[in-house]
Protein backbone atom coordinates (compact mmCIF):
# COMPACT_ATOMS: atom_id res chain seq x y z
CA UNK A 1 -0.43 24.51 -11.77
CA UNK A 2 -0.14 22.73 -8.91
CA UNK A 3 2.69 20.71 -8.81
CA UNK A 4 1.44 18.67 -5.34
CA UNK A 5 2.16 15.24 -5.66
CA UNK A 6 -1.02 13.08 -5.15
CA UNK A 7 -0.19 10.55 -1.86
CA UNK A 8 -3.29 7.60 -1.06
CA UNK A 9 -2.95 6.64 2.59
CA UNK A 10 -4.37 3.47 3.34
CA UNK A 11 -4.43 2.23 6.73
CA UNK A 12 -5.76 -1.79 6.83
CA UNK A 13 -8.01 -3.56 7.44
CA UNK A 14 -11.21 -1.25 9.65
CA UNK A 15 -14.95 -2.29 10.87
CA UNK A 16 -15.81 -5.70 10.31
CA UNK A 17 -11.90 -6.33 9.90
CA UNK A 18 -10.01 -6.04 13.20
CA UNK A 19 -6.52 -7.55 11.18
CA UNK A 20 -4.16 -9.01 13.43
CA UNK A 21 -4.17 -8.52 17.62
CA UNK A 22 -1.51 -7.94 19.18
CA UNK A 23 -0.58 -10.11 22.90
CA UNK A 24 -2.25 -7.03 24.71
CA UNK A 25 -5.13 -6.83 22.99
CA UNK A 26 -3.97 -4.12 20.37
CA UNK A 27 -5.74 -4.61 16.92
CA UNK A 28 -4.27 -4.07 13.52
CA UNK A 29 -7.10 -1.96 12.74
CA UNK A 30 -6.54 1.11 15.27
CA UNK A 31 -2.99 1.28 14.88
CA UNK A 32 -3.07 1.44 11.14
CA UNK A 33 -5.06 4.05 11.15
CA UNK A 34 -3.36 6.10 13.00
CA UNK A 35 0.02 6.27 11.68
CA UNK A 36 -1.86 6.97 8.67
CA UNK A 37 -3.87 9.90 10.03
CA UNK A 38 -0.02 10.90 11.37
CA UNK A 39 1.92 10.14 8.41
CA UNK A 40 -0.75 12.34 6.50
CA UNK A 41 -0.55 15.51 8.93
CA UNK A 42 3.61 15.31 8.61
CA UNK A 43 2.86 15.20 4.83
CA UNK A 44 0.26 17.66 4.52
CA UNK A 45 2.75 19.99 6.96
CA UNK A 46 5.20 20.31 4.55
CA UNK A 47 2.97 21.66 1.83
CA UNK A 48 4.01 19.46 -1.22
CA UNK A 49 1.53 16.94 -1.19
CA UNK A 50 -2.39 16.37 -1.36
CA UNK A 51 -2.94 12.99 0.72
CA UNK A 52 -6.07 11.07 0.05
CA UNK A 53 -7.07 8.15 2.61
CA UNK A 54 -9.03 5.26 1.49
CA UNK A 55 -10.66 5.78 5.32
CA UNK A 56 -10.63 8.26 7.90
CA UNK A 57 -12.45 6.06 10.58
CA UNK A 58 -13.46 2.46 11.87
CA UNK A 59 -14.85 1.58 8.60
CA UNK A 60 -14.85 -1.32 6.54
CA UNK A 61 -13.71 -1.23 2.98
CA UNK A 62 -13.42 -4.20 0.68
CA UNK A 63 -9.01 -4.65 -0.94
CA UNK A 64 -11.11 -4.31 -4.76
CA UNK A 65 -12.44 -0.65 -3.29
CA UNK A 66 -9.18 0.96 -1.83
CA UNK A 67 -7.29 0.10 -5.25
CA UNK A 68 -10.06 1.61 -7.18
CA UNK A 69 -9.81 5.26 -5.03
CA UNK A 70 -6.49 5.12 -5.73
CA UNK A 71 -6.76 4.92 -9.37
CA UNK A 72 -10.19 7.27 -9.26
CA UNK A 73 -7.39 9.90 -7.24
CA UNK A 74 -4.78 10.14 -9.98
CA UNK A 75 -2.45 9.32 -7.41
CA UNK A 76 1.38 9.02 -7.67
CA UNK A 77 1.37 6.87 -5.17
CA UNK A 78 -0.52 4.36 -2.94
CA UNK A 79 0.87 3.25 0.28
CA UNK A 80 -0.75 0.47 2.53
CA UNK A 81 -0.05 0.41 6.23
CA UNK A 82 0.01 -3.07 8.42
CA UNK A 83 0.80 -4.88 11.17
CA UNK A 84 2.26 -8.37 11.22
CA UNK A 85 1.63 -11.14 12.82
CA UNK A 86 2.94 -14.66 13.19
CA UNK A 87 2.90 -17.55 16.09
CA UNK A 88 6.50 -17.18 16.71
CA UNK A 89 5.89 -14.11 18.94
CA UNK A 90 9.55 -13.50 19.48
CA UNK A 91 9.70 -12.52 15.32
CA UNK A 92 9.35 -8.52 15.38
CA UNK A 93 10.75 -5.96 12.11
CA UNK A 94 9.30 -4.56 9.61
CA UNK A 95 9.22 -5.02 5.52
CA UNK A 96 8.13 -3.13 2.48
CA UNK A 97 5.59 -5.09 -0.09
CA UNK A 98 5.77 -4.52 -3.93
CA UNK A 99 3.87 -6.48 -6.89
CA UNK A 100 4.90 -10.24 -7.78
CA UNK A 101 5.30 -11.21 -10.96
CA UNK A 102 1.93 -13.53 -10.27
CA UNK A 103 -0.05 -10.48 -9.29
CA UNK A 104 1.00 -8.60 -12.28
CA UNK A 105 -0.72 -11.68 -14.48
CA UNK A 106 -4.03 -11.01 -12.07
CA UNK A 107 -3.64 -7.19 -12.75
CA UNK A 108 -3.81 -7.68 -16.37
CA UNK A 109 -6.73 -9.86 -15.97
CA UNK A 110 -8.80 -7.61 -14.36
CA UNK A 111 -7.72 -5.36 -16.64
CA UNK A 112 -9.46 -6.78 -19.93
CA UNK A 113 -12.67 -8.54 -17.66
CA UNK A 114 -13.49 -4.24 -17.15
CA UNK A 115 -14.19 -2.62 -19.95
CA UNK A 116 -12.96 0.72 -18.91
CA UNK A 117 -9.84 0.04 -17.18
CA UNK A 118 -7.77 3.26 -17.65
CA UNK A 119 -3.72 2.94 -16.91
CA UNK A 120 -1.97 6.84 -16.48
CA UNK A 121 -4.14 8.60 -19.04
CA UNK A 122 -4.87 5.64 -21.48
CA UNK A 123 -8.45 3.91 -22.00
CA UNK A 124 -7.43 0.44 -23.22
CA UNK A 125 -10.39 0.24 -24.51
CA UNK A 126 -9.78 2.89 -27.64
CA UNK A 127 -7.67 0.05 -28.52
CA UNK A 128 -7.70 -3.49 -30.26
CA UNK A 129 -5.98 -6.54 -27.97
CA UNK A 130 -3.06 -6.51 -29.42
CA UNK A 131 -2.16 -3.14 -28.74
CA UNK A 132 -4.47 -2.45 -25.55
CA UNK A 133 -2.15 -5.88 -24.26
CA UNK A 134 1.52 -3.73 -24.99
CA UNK A 135 -0.15 -1.29 -23.26
CA UNK A 136 -0.42 -2.92 -20.53
CA UNK A 137 2.50 -4.51 -20.17
CA UNK A 138 4.40 -1.04 -20.62
CA UNK A 139 2.37 0.57 -17.91
CA UNK A 140 2.39 -2.59 -16.03
CA UNK A 141 6.60 -2.47 -15.97
CA UNK A 142 6.48 1.22 -15.44
CA UNK A 143 4.43 1.06 -12.02
CA UNK A 144 6.52 -2.20 -11.07
CA UNK A 145 9.83 0.17 -11.49
CA UNK A 146 8.47 2.46 -9.89
CA UNK A 147 7.34 0.76 -7.04
CA UNK A 148 10.39 -0.95 -6.36
CA UNK A 149 12.33 2.27 -6.41
CA UNK A 150 9.81 3.71 -3.69
CA UNK A 151 10.14 0.62 -1.15
CA UNK A 152 14.15 1.26 -1.24
CA UNK A 153 14.12 4.46 -0.75
CA UNK A 154 11.42 3.63 2.25
CA UNK A 155 13.66 0.55 3.55
CA UNK A 156 16.57 3.07 4.11
CA UNK A 157 14.87 5.26 5.43
CA UNK A 158 13.38 3.29 8.02
CA UNK A 159 16.55 1.20 8.28
CA UNK A 160 18.48 2.27 12.14
CA UNK A 161 14.87 3.93 13.03
CA UNK A 162 12.56 0.53 13.86
CA UNK A 163 13.75 -3.03 13.49
CA UNK A 164 13.45 -4.62 10.10
CA UNK A 165 13.36 -7.74 9.06
CA UNK A 166 16.27 -9.49 7.44
CA UNK A 167 14.79 -9.73 3.86
CA UNK A 168 12.62 -6.75 4.43
CA UNK A 169 11.53 -6.13 0.84
CA UNK A 170 9.43 -8.90 -0.82
CA UNK A 171 6.70 -9.36 -3.35
CA UNK A 172 3.29 -10.36 -2.78
CA UNK A 173 -0.34 -11.24 -5.11
CA UNK A 174 -1.80 -8.48 -2.94
CA UNK A 175 -5.04 -6.92 -3.82
CA UNK A 176 -4.62 -3.54 -2.79
CA UNK A 177 -1.34 -3.29 -5.08
CA UNK A 178 -2.86 -4.65 -8.54
CA UNK A 179 -3.70 -0.61 -9.81
CA UNK A 180 -1.38 -1.10 -13.11
CA UNK A 181 -1.06 2.56 -12.90
CA UNK A 182 -0.26 3.65 -9.65
CA UNK A 183 3.22 2.77 -8.28
CA UNK A 184 2.04 0.94 -4.53
CA UNK A 185 3.84 -0.53 -1.68
CA UNK A 186 2.28 -2.27 1.38
CA UNK A 187 4.23 -1.56 4.36
CA UNK A 188 3.94 -4.02 7.27
CA UNK A 189 5.29 -1.71 9.98
CA UNK A 190 6.13 -4.25 12.77
CA UNK A 191 5.07 -7.47 14.36
CA UNK A 192 1.66 -6.67 16.35
CA UNK A 193 2.56 -10.04 17.59
CA UNK A 194 5.66 -9.24 19.40
CA UNK A 195 5.20 -7.46 22.20
CA UNK A 196 8.22 -5.15 21.77
CA UNK A 197 6.66 -4.03 18.42
CA UNK A 198 2.83 -4.14 19.74
CA UNK A 199 4.63 -1.75 22.70
CA UNK A 200 6.04 0.24 19.82
CA UNK A 201 3.55 0.61 18.00
CA UNK A 202 0.68 2.74 20.37
CA UNK A 203 3.48 4.57 21.59
CA UNK A 204 3.14 7.94 21.03
CA UNK A 205 6.54 9.08 20.55
């Protein structure tokens, strides 16, 4: 059996949605795609991962389509790459987002509104409301635990190699993280609005 883990890499923004822009004109959609391709090459070369990209070129993809793709790929991990921006240009550093409590509530509402919604290998439509609610809660707990564990591992590996915000693990109600059966993180690689971070984002080294 193929024991390779399935990793979905999501280059943020794209197409008509350029994302943030750096002081030198660098577009977020370009640096996220470049970083995603580099990460995909590294993981593929190790022979232990099957990599699925949500986009391989400059195209527009809705957030819900990205999350649906991750579920359809039966992903073991979904990682969305972004570059933050803020009016205070001195702020720099990366951070990692996992789903907030508000996000889990929204995820549950989405699950109930979609008749064929599956979490892990369970089709919630096959159970009555009480059982499906319990199964969804269990799935969300498992997913959030796995997501948070990976976020801490990711931060630990980034620490000392690239600047990070003081509170580097954050929670957010972000659409791309709503897949109840897929552990997911959103990595803000750096602040593209900071000149040093922008330079790092476009550096080949």
